[in-house]
Protein backbone atom coordinates (compact mmCIF):
# COMPACT_ATOMS: atom_id res chain seq x y z
CA MET A 1 88.73 93.80 92.43
CA ALA A 2 91.60 95.92 92.72
CA GLN A 3 93.69 95.03 96.29
CA ASN A 4 93.19 97.63 98.94
CA ARG A 5 96.04 100.24 99.58
CA LEU A 6 96.84 101.04 103.50
CA LEU A 7 95.57 104.36 104.80
CA THR A 8 96.59 106.60 106.85
CA LEU A 9 95.57 109.31 108.77
CA LEU A 10 96.89 112.24 110.32
CA SER A 11 95.40 115.89 111.50
CA ASP A 12 95.48 118.45 114.20
CA PHE A 13 92.09 117.34 115.94
CA GLY A 14 93.09 115.67 118.73
CA LEU A 15 91.71 112.76 120.65
CA SER A 16 88.95 114.76 122.87
CA ASP A 17 86.85 114.94 120.31
CA VAL A 18 84.56 112.99 117.96
CA TYR A 19 86.42 114.54 114.65
CA VAL A 20 88.58 111.40 114.26
CA GLY A 21 86.18 109.15 114.70
CA VAL A 22 83.41 110.36 112.54
CA MET A 23 86.28 110.19 109.74
CA LYS A 24 87.02 106.85 109.95
CA GLY A 25 83.23 106.38 110.20
CA VAL A 26 83.20 107.90 106.75
CA ILE A 27 85.95 105.80 105.14
CA ALA A 28 84.17 102.84 107.14
CA ARG A 29 80.74 103.18 104.99
CA ILE A 30 82.50 103.33 101.49
CA ASN A 31 84.97 100.33 102.51
CA PRO A 32 84.85 98.78 105.59
CA THR A 33 87.36 96.33 104.79
CA LEU A 34 90.25 99.32 104.32
CA THR A 35 93.12 98.89 107.26
CA ILE A 36 93.80 102.60 108.70
CA VAL A 37 96.77 103.44 110.38
CA ASP A 38 96.50 106.57 113.02
CA ILE A 39 100.05 108.59 112.29
CA THR A 40 99.12 111.38 114.73
CA HIS A 41 96.19 113.32 115.90
CA GLU A 42 97.85 115.52 118.21
CA ILE A 43 99.62 118.25 115.56
CA PRO A 44 99.44 121.42 117.18
CA PRO A 45 96.19 123.08 116.64
CA GLN A 46 96.50 125.26 113.12
CA ASN A 47 100.21 124.54 112.87
CA ILE A 48 101.11 123.34 109.13
CA ALA A 49 104.95 122.86 109.57
CA ALA A 50 104.73 120.51 112.63
CA GLY A 51 102.15 118.59 109.86
CA ARG A 52 104.56 118.83 107.30
CA PHE A 53 107.36 117.61 109.72
CA CYS A 54 105.29 114.44 111.10
CA LEU A 55 104.08 113.54 107.08
CA MET A 56 107.95 113.73 106.43
CA ASN A 57 109.35 111.71 108.44
CA ALA A 58 106.47 108.71 108.88
CA TYR A 59 105.69 107.87 104.91
CA PRO A 60 109.42 106.22 104.36
CA TYR A 61 108.15 103.52 106.81
CA PHE A 62 104.78 102.71 105.05
CA PRO A 63 104.53 100.32 102.15
CA ASP A 64 104.51 101.03 98.45
CA GLY A 65 100.66 102.65 97.25
CA THR A 66 99.89 103.94 101.04
CA VAL A 67 97.15 106.76 100.73
CA HIS A 68 98.54 109.74 103.28
CA VAL A 69 94.87 111.58 104.38
CA ALA A 70 96.36 114.41 106.13
CA VAL A 71 94.26 117.29 107.60
CA VAL A 72 96.08 120.44 109.22
CA ASP A 73 93.94 122.94 107.60
CA PRO A 74 93.44 126.21 108.75
CA GLY A 75 92.08 127.85 105.14
CA VAL A 76 89.50 125.14 105.61
CA GLY A 77 86.23 126.80 103.63
CA SER A 78 88.59 129.33 101.55
CA HIS A 79 90.01 129.10 98.32
CA ARG A 80 92.45 127.00 98.99
CA ARG A 81 92.62 123.73 96.93
CA ALA A 82 91.60 120.26 98.15
CA ILE A 83 94.11 117.87 96.14
CA ALA A 84 95.18 114.75 95.39
CA VAL A 85 98.99 113.86 94.70
CA GLN A 86 99.90 110.40 93.09
CA LEU A 87 104.24 109.78 93.44
CA SER A 88 106.23 106.66 92.87
CA ASN A 89 105.90 105.49 96.13
CA CYS A 90 102.43 106.78 97.81
CA PHE A 91 99.28 108.71 97.32
CA LEU A 92 98.56 111.82 99.56
CA VAL A 93 94.92 113.42 99.90
CA GLY A 94 94.72 117.01 101.86
CA PRO A 95 94.68 120.56 101.07
CA ASP A 96 97.11 122.34 99.66
CA ASN A 97 98.60 124.40 101.83
CA GLY A 98 102.01 123.11 101.92
CA LEU A 99 101.33 120.04 104.24
CA PHE A 100 102.40 118.22 101.99
CA SER A 101 105.90 119.99 100.66
CA GLY A 102 107.89 118.17 102.95
CA VAL A 103 107.14 114.64 101.23
CA LEU A 104 107.24 116.31 97.63
CA SER A 105 110.87 117.40 98.58
CA HIS A 106 112.10 113.74 99.38
CA ALA A 107 110.01 111.79 96.95
CA GLN A 108 111.74 110.36 93.82
CA ALA A 109 108.55 111.09 91.27
CA ILE A 110 105.80 113.08 91.36
CA ILE A 111 103.44 111.07 88.95
CA ALA A 112 100.42 113.05 88.78
CA ALA A 113 98.00 115.70 90.77
CA VAL A 114 94.33 116.61 90.75
CA GLU A 115 92.19 119.16 92.79
CA LEU A 116 89.19 117.48 94.18
CA THR A 117 86.60 118.67 91.85
CA ASN A 118 85.03 115.49 91.40
CA THR A 119 81.92 115.31 94.09
CA ASP A 120 80.66 111.80 92.72
CA TYR A 121 83.91 110.71 95.26
CA TRP A 122 82.91 113.47 98.22
CA ARG A 123 80.82 112.33 101.34
CA THR A 124 78.37 114.95 99.77
CA THR A 125 77.75 117.54 97.08
CA GLN A 126 77.14 120.12 99.89
CA PRO A 127 80.25 119.80 102.18
CA SER A 128 80.47 122.05 105.23
CA THR A 129 83.24 124.87 104.71
CA THR A 130 84.05 123.84 108.19
CA PHE A 131 85.27 120.08 108.39
CA HIS A 132 86.21 118.96 105.08
CA GLY A 133 88.18 115.80 106.28
CA ARG A 134 84.97 114.35 106.58
CA ASP A 135 83.22 115.57 103.51
CA ILE A 136 86.09 115.44 101.03
CA PHE A 137 89.39 114.05 101.86
CA ALA A 138 88.34 110.67 104.17
CA PRO A 139 85.61 109.56 101.26
CA VAL A 140 88.08 110.36 98.32
CA GLY A 141 90.98 108.59 100.39
CA ALA A 142 88.35 105.51 100.68
CA HIS A 143 88.10 105.66 97.57
CA LEU A 144 91.65 106.24 96.49
CA ALA A 145 92.71 103.47 98.72
CA GLY A 146 90.19 101.00 97.06
CA GLY A 147 91.60 101.31 94.16
CA VAL A 148 89.79 104.12 91.98
CA PRO A 149 92.35 106.15 89.65
CA LEU A 150 93.87 109.12 90.59
CA GLU A 151 92.35 110.96 87.21
CA LYS A 152 88.49 110.38 88.20
CA LEU A 153 88.86 112.30 91.13
CA GLY A 154 89.38 115.65 89.83
CA ARG A 155 90.95 117.60 87.49
CA THR A 156 94.51 117.17 86.57
CA ILE A 157 96.78 120.50 88.15
CA ASP A 158 100.55 121.17 87.34
CA PRO A 159 102.83 119.81 90.32
CA SER A 160 104.53 122.61 90.03
CA THR A 161 101.86 124.95 91.39
CA LEU A 162 101.29 123.04 94.83
CA VAL A 163 102.01 125.27 97.30
CA GLN A 164 105.29 124.89 99.23
CA LEU A 165 105.88 125.79 102.94
CA PRO A 166 108.97 128.76 103.12
CA ILE A 167 110.77 126.38 105.57
CA PRO A 168 114.58 127.47 106.30
CA GLU A 169 116.96 125.28 104.86
CA CYS A 170 120.38 125.47 106.74
CA THR A 171 123.32 126.78 105.66
CA GLN A 172 127.13 125.47 105.79
CA THR A 173 129.16 128.22 106.98
CA GLU A 174 133.60 128.02 107.69
CA ALA A 175 132.55 127.75 111.05
CA GLY A 176 129.86 125.20 110.83
CA ILE A 177 126.10 125.13 110.02
CA ILE A 178 123.21 127.58 110.83
CA GLY A 179 119.74 126.09 110.97
CA CYS A 180 116.37 126.42 112.94
CA ILE A 181 114.26 124.58 114.99
CA GLN A 182 111.85 122.96 113.11
CA TYR A 183 109.69 120.93 115.78
CA ILE A 184 109.26 120.12 118.84
CA ASP A 185 108.19 116.80 120.25
CA LYS A 186 105.66 116.02 123.34
CA PHE A 187 109.25 115.59 125.42
CA GLY A 188 109.89 119.52 124.76
CA ASN A 189 113.30 117.82 122.27
CA LEU A 190 114.30 120.92 119.88
CA ILE A 191 114.56 118.91 116.57
CA THR A 192 116.86 121.18 113.83
CA ASN A 193 116.67 121.49 110.23
CA ILE A 194 119.98 120.12 110.28
CA PRO A 195 120.66 116.85 108.60
CA GLY A 196 122.65 114.62 111.16
CA ILE A 197 124.53 113.25 108.45
CA LEU A 198 126.46 116.64 108.48
CA VAL A 199 128.37 116.10 111.75
CA LYS A 200 128.58 112.34 111.25
CA GLU A 201 131.85 110.82 112.88
CA LYS A 202 132.74 114.67 113.34
CA THR A 203 133.13 116.39 116.97
CA TRP A 204 130.50 119.35 117.37
CA THR A 205 128.57 121.36 119.59
CA VAL A 206 125.51 123.49 119.60
CA ALA A 207 125.56 126.95 120.35
CA ALA A 208 121.62 128.14 120.73
CA ALA A 209 119.89 129.85 123.89
CA GLY A 210 123.25 131.42 124.28
CA ILE A 211 125.04 128.59 125.37
CA SER A 212 127.14 126.23 123.86
CA ILE A 213 125.52 122.46 124.10
CA PRO A 214 128.14 119.38 123.92
CA SER A 215 126.99 116.88 121.16
CA ASP A 216 126.50 112.90 122.33
CA THR A 217 125.15 109.54 121.32
CA SER A 218 122.47 109.32 124.09
CA TYR A 219 120.11 111.18 126.08
CA SER A 220 121.16 108.46 128.94
CA ASN A 221 125.26 109.92 127.87
CA SER A 222 124.09 113.13 129.78
CA GLN A 223 123.77 114.06 132.79
CA VAL A 224 120.20 114.44 134.31
CA GLY A 225 118.75 117.72 133.68
CA VAL A 226 121.80 119.21 131.16
CA PRO A 227 121.08 120.01 127.44
CA LEU A 228 122.62 117.87 125.18
CA ALA A 229 122.68 117.68 121.21
CA LEU A 230 122.24 114.20 119.63
CA VAL A 231 121.04 113.12 116.23
CA SER A 232 117.26 111.90 116.51
CA SER A 233 116.25 109.10 115.47
CA GLY A 234 114.61 110.70 112.24
CA GLY A 235 118.36 111.69 111.32
CA TRP A 236 118.26 115.30 112.28
CA VAL A 237 120.25 117.43 115.06
CA GLU A 238 118.06 117.65 117.64
CA ILE A 239 118.34 119.01 121.33
CA ALA A 240 117.00 117.59 124.55
CA ILE A 241 117.74 117.50 127.90
CA ASN A 242 118.04 114.21 130.15
CA SER A 243 115.23 113.63 131.82
CA GLY A 244 113.83 116.99 131.29
CA ASN A 245 112.16 119.75 128.84
CA ALA A 246 115.19 121.39 126.55
CA HIS A 247 111.81 123.39 125.01
CA THR A 248 111.24 125.01 128.37
CA LYS A 249 114.36 125.15 130.05
CA LEU A 250 116.22 126.92 126.96
CA GLN A 251 112.96 128.94 126.03
CA LEU A 252 113.59 127.82 122.40
CA ASN A 253 111.02 128.32 119.79
CA TRP A 254 110.04 127.04 116.53
CA GLY A 255 111.54 128.89 113.92
CA ASP A 256 114.37 130.11 116.21
CA ALA A 257 118.19 130.07 115.26
CA VAL A 258 120.50 127.65 115.94
CA GLN A 259 124.10 126.52 115.12
CA VAL A 260 126.45 123.57 114.96
CA MET A 261 130.06 124.41 115.45
CA VAL A 262 132.49 121.61 113.93
CA ASN A 263 136.03 121.06 115.46
């Protein structure tokens, strides 16, 4: 018997309703011995970009072979594909809407991808048009984590056809680096798409919201209530406020432009 793989869940379902618990119940009915880890269920509703960012930043910390079931799916019930992807170090299960594009951009190799057309591995042959997490993705993830080969789950598709979310890339100029806000965490920290490696061992500031924000190495090095820039634990340039909320104070939002000035 194949050894179980670890299974993770990520969604925008929140925890005040039954959706996450129902998905876990479906998984347990298929394989009650699986270990399930919740990455997060607090992705802002329908925010595919936030789901993309969180999964991209979480997956490297899991063992090779982990099955990641992710459901941020505003197109549920439409013609968007339900997919599973095998990478050199993990599996991805969920909607083909760009949710996995962050992981795919960092992956060492895509081994195979399938559209989930084999209803033998669904909860029901007549899935809900509003809850594919319960009826397709959770059961497929459970079967995959239990050792079912990817090719049995559906028809093979060309990995180059997987949907890519159009996230802007940062660009380097003579004066510095131009980027944007790609994620806002629960503390109101503004995480940019500028890799911290680009400012390593340099003196730099961030121009955003009409002000110049000095860089430092930790939140506590700045005065309470004063904006600062630093490299986040995930390795991105971040704008924060010591004991405050940079999102509300600076009125910066998803996609807003920022510029790193390197001296």
